[in-house]
């Protein structure tokens, strides 16, 4: 039995309802663009929530959290 598919435009319009469906049915959902699968939304097992930790490995936070135009960010 294959996972149901949903076009990206439908996913965008009904995102919250589709996420609720995945959570309720515990069944994955495949998102397509022009009929080609591009992503999968998968349910999270309750036992997996809070089961571990994540460590970000990077040269510095600036490369991930910087604003491209800081003057625009400051309102100037």
N, C-alpha and C. Protein backbone atom coordinates (compact mmCIF):
# COMPACT_ATOMS: atom_id res chain seq x y z
N UNK A 1 0.85 -1.17 0.00
CA UNK A 1 0.00 0.00 0.00
C UNK A 1 0.90 1.23 0.00
N UNK A 2 0.77 2.09 -1.01
CA UNK A 2 1.64 3.26 -1.11
C UNK A 2 1.02 4.45 -0.37
N UNK A 3 1.91 5.38 -0.04
CA UNK A 3 1.45 6.58 0.66
C UNK A 3 0.61 7.45 -0.27
N UNK A 4 -0.41 8.11 0.27
CA UNK A 4 -1.20 9.03 -0.56
C UNK A 4 -0.34 10.21 -1.00
N UNK A 5 -0.65 10.77 -2.16
CA UNK A 5 0.08 11.91 -2.68
C UNK A 5 -0.82 13.14 -2.71
N UNK A 6 -0.20 14.30 -2.57
CA UNK A 6 -0.92 15.58 -2.59
C UNK A 6 -0.07 16.57 -3.37
N UNK A 7 -0.66 17.27 -4.34
CA UNK A 7 0.10 18.31 -5.03
C UNK A 7 0.51 19.41 -4.06
N UNK A 8 1.66 20.02 -4.32
CA UNK A 8 2.18 21.07 -3.44
C UNK A 8 1.18 22.20 -3.26
N UNK A 9 0.45 22.55 -4.29
CA UNK A 9 -0.53 23.64 -4.18
C UNK A 9 -1.64 23.29 -3.19
N UNK A 10 -2.06 22.04 -3.18
CA UNK A 10 -3.09 21.59 -2.23
C UNK A 10 -2.50 21.55 -0.82
N UNK A 11 -1.25 21.06 -0.72
CA UNK A 11 -0.61 21.02 0.59
C UNK A 11 -0.49 22.43 1.16
N UNK A 12 -0.12 23.38 0.33
CA UNK A 12 0.01 24.77 0.78
C UNK A 12 -1.32 25.30 1.30
N UNK A 13 -2.39 25.02 0.59
CA UNK A 13 -3.71 25.53 0.97
C UNK A 13 -4.29 24.83 2.19
N UNK A 14 -3.95 23.55 2.39
CA UNK A 14 -4.56 22.75 3.45
C UNK A 14 -3.54 22.19 4.44
N UNK A 15 -2.41 22.85 4.56
CA UNK A 15 -1.29 22.35 5.34
C UNK A 15 -1.68 21.87 6.74
N UNK A 16 -2.33 22.72 7.52
CA UNK A 16 -2.64 22.36 8.91
C UNK A 16 -3.58 21.16 8.98
N UNK A 17 -4.57 21.11 8.12
CA UNK A 17 -5.50 19.97 8.11
C UNK A 17 -4.78 18.69 7.70
N UNK A 18 -3.88 18.77 6.73
CA UNK A 18 -3.14 17.60 6.29
C UNK A 18 -2.17 17.12 7.37
N UNK A 19 -1.55 18.05 8.10
CA UNK A 19 -0.68 17.66 9.20
C UNK A 19 -1.48 16.95 10.30
N UNK A 20 -2.68 17.45 10.57
CA UNK A 20 -3.55 16.79 11.55
C UNK A 20 -3.90 15.37 11.10
N UNK A 21 -4.13 15.22 9.79
CA UNK A 21 -4.46 13.90 9.24
C UNK A 21 -3.29 12.93 9.40
N UNK A 22 -2.08 13.39 9.13
CA UNK A 22 -0.89 12.55 9.30
C UNK A 22 -0.75 12.14 10.76
N UNK A 23 -0.96 13.09 11.67
CA UNK A 23 -0.84 12.80 13.10
C UNK A 23 -1.91 11.81 13.56
N UNK A 24 -3.11 11.94 13.03
CA UNK A 24 -4.22 11.08 13.45
C UNK A 24 -4.13 9.68 12.87
N UNK A 25 -3.80 9.60 11.58
CA UNK A 25 -3.78 8.30 10.90
C UNK A 25 -2.45 7.58 11.05
N UNK A 26 -1.40 8.31 11.47
CA UNK A 26 -0.04 7.74 11.56
C UNK A 26 0.42 7.20 10.21
N UNK A 27 0.03 7.89 9.14
CA UNK A 27 0.38 7.49 7.78
C UNK A 27 1.10 8.64 7.08
N UNK A 28 2.17 8.33 6.38
CA UNK A 28 2.95 9.34 5.66
C UNK A 28 2.15 9.92 4.50
N UNK A 29 2.59 11.10 4.05
CA UNK A 29 1.96 11.79 2.95
C UNK A 29 3.07 12.28 2.02
N UNK A 30 2.95 12.03 0.73
CA UNK A 30 3.95 12.44 -0.24
C UNK A 30 3.47 13.71 -0.94
N UNK A 31 4.34 14.73 -0.97
CA UNK A 31 4.03 16.00 -1.63
C UNK A 31 4.67 15.97 -3.02
N UNK A 32 3.90 16.37 -4.03
CA UNK A 32 4.41 16.36 -5.40
C UNK A 32 4.39 17.76 -6.01
N UNK A 33 5.29 17.97 -6.96
CA UNK A 33 5.28 19.17 -7.80
C UNK A 33 5.26 18.68 -9.23
N UNK A 34 4.23 19.07 -9.95
CA UNK A 34 4.06 18.65 -11.34
C UNK A 34 4.09 17.13 -11.47
N UNK A 35 3.50 16.45 -10.46
CA UNK A 35 3.41 15.00 -10.48
C UNK A 35 4.65 14.26 -10.02
N UNK A 36 5.71 14.98 -9.68
CA UNK A 36 6.95 14.37 -9.26
C UNK A 36 7.07 14.48 -7.73
N UNK A 37 7.27 13.36 -7.03
CA UNK A 37 7.42 13.43 -5.57
C UNK A 37 8.65 14.26 -5.18
N UNK A 38 8.45 15.19 -4.23
CA UNK A 38 9.55 16.05 -3.79
C UNK A 38 9.76 16.03 -2.28
N UNK A 39 8.76 15.60 -1.53
CA UNK A 39 8.90 15.58 -0.07
C UNK A 39 7.92 14.57 0.52
N UNK A 40 8.22 14.17 1.75
CA UNK A 40 7.34 13.25 2.47
C UNK A 40 7.12 13.81 3.87
N UNK A 41 5.87 13.85 4.30
CA UNK A 41 5.53 14.24 5.66
C UNK A 41 5.27 12.94 6.41
N UNK A 42 6.03 12.73 7.47
CA UNK A 42 5.92 11.47 8.21
C UNK A 42 5.49 11.74 9.64
N UNK A 43 4.70 10.84 10.21
CA UNK A 43 4.29 11.02 11.60
C UNK A 43 5.46 10.78 12.55
N UNK A 44 5.44 11.46 13.66
CA UNK A 44 6.46 11.27 14.69
C UNK A 44 5.88 10.36 15.76
N UNK A 45 6.65 9.36 16.12
CA UNK A 45 6.23 8.47 17.19
C UNK A 45 6.31 9.21 18.52
N UNK A 46 5.33 9.04 19.37
CA UNK A 46 5.29 9.73 20.66
C UNK A 46 6.53 9.43 21.49
N UNK A 47 7.04 8.21 21.39
CA UNK A 47 8.22 7.84 22.16
C UNK A 47 9.48 8.57 21.69
N UNK A 48 9.47 9.07 20.45
CA UNK A 48 10.64 9.76 19.91
C UNK A 48 10.71 11.21 20.37
N UNK A 49 9.60 11.77 20.82
CA UNK A 49 9.59 13.16 21.25
C UNK A 49 10.40 13.31 22.53
N UNK A 50 11.36 14.19 22.50
CA UNK A 50 12.18 14.46 23.67
C UNK A 50 13.12 13.34 24.03
N UNK A 51 13.33 12.40 23.12
CA UNK A 51 14.16 11.25 23.43
C UNK A 51 15.65 11.55 23.37
N UNK A 52 16.04 12.64 22.71
CA UNK A 52 17.46 12.92 22.57
C UNK A 52 17.72 14.40 22.52
N UNK A 53 18.90 14.74 22.06
CA UNK A 53 19.25 16.14 21.94
C UNK A 53 19.91 16.37 20.59
N UNK A 54 20.01 17.62 20.23
CA UNK A 54 20.61 17.99 18.95
C UNK A 54 21.75 18.96 19.21
N UNK A 55 22.85 18.76 18.54
CA UNK A 55 23.98 19.67 18.63
C UNK A 55 24.26 20.19 17.23
N UNK A 56 24.29 21.52 17.08
CA UNK A 56 24.61 22.11 15.79
C UNK A 56 26.11 22.27 15.70
N UNK A 57 26.68 21.76 14.63
CA UNK A 57 28.11 21.88 14.41
C UNK A 57 28.33 22.87 13.27
N UNK A 58 28.90 24.02 13.60
CA UNK A 58 29.12 25.05 12.59
C UNK A 58 30.31 25.89 12.99
N UNK A 59 30.87 26.59 12.00
CA UNK A 59 32.00 27.46 12.27
C UNK A 59 31.62 28.61 13.19
N UNK A 60 30.41 29.06 13.09
CA UNK A 60 29.92 30.15 13.93
C UNK A 60 28.46 30.37 13.67
N UNK A 61 27.76 30.87 14.65
CA UNK A 61 26.33 31.11 14.48
C UNK A 61 26.04 32.17 13.45
N UNK A 62 26.98 33.09 13.22
CA UNK A 62 26.74 34.18 12.28
C UNK A 62 26.36 33.69 10.89
N UNK A 63 26.96 32.59 10.45
CA UNK A 63 26.67 32.12 9.10
C UNK A 63 25.24 31.59 8.96
N UNK A 64 24.61 31.23 10.07
CA UNK A 64 23.24 30.72 10.01
C UNK A 64 22.20 31.75 10.42
N UNK A 65 22.59 32.71 11.26
CA UNK A 65 21.60 33.61 11.84
C UNK A 65 21.83 35.07 11.50
N UNK A 66 22.62 35.36 10.49
CA UNK A 66 22.88 36.75 10.15
C UNK A 66 21.80 37.28 9.21
N UNK A 67 21.62 38.59 9.23
CA UNK A 67 20.68 39.26 8.33
C UNK A 67 21.49 39.81 7.18
N UNK A 68 21.04 39.57 5.95
CA UNK A 68 21.80 39.97 4.78
C UNK A 68 22.01 41.47 4.72
N UNK A 69 21.00 42.26 5.05
CA UNK A 69 21.10 43.71 5.00
C UNK A 69 20.76 44.25 6.38
N UNK A 70 21.78 44.40 7.22
CA UNK A 70 21.53 44.80 8.61
C UNK A 70 20.93 46.20 8.73
N UNK A 71 21.23 47.11 7.79
CA UNK A 71 20.63 48.44 7.84
C UNK A 71 19.13 48.36 7.64
N UNK A 72 18.69 47.53 6.72
CA UNK A 72 17.26 47.34 6.50
C UNK A 72 16.60 46.74 7.73
N UNK A 73 17.30 45.84 8.40
CA UNK A 73 16.77 45.20 9.60
C UNK A 73 16.58 46.22 10.73
N UNK A 74 17.51 47.19 10.82
CA UNK A 74 17.43 48.20 11.87
C UNK A 74 16.43 49.29 11.55
N UNK A 75 15.83 49.23 10.38
CA UNK A 75 14.83 50.23 10.00
C UNK A 75 15.41 51.48 9.36
N UNK A 76 16.68 51.47 8.97
CA UNK A 76 17.31 52.63 8.34
C UNK A 76 17.08 52.62 6.86
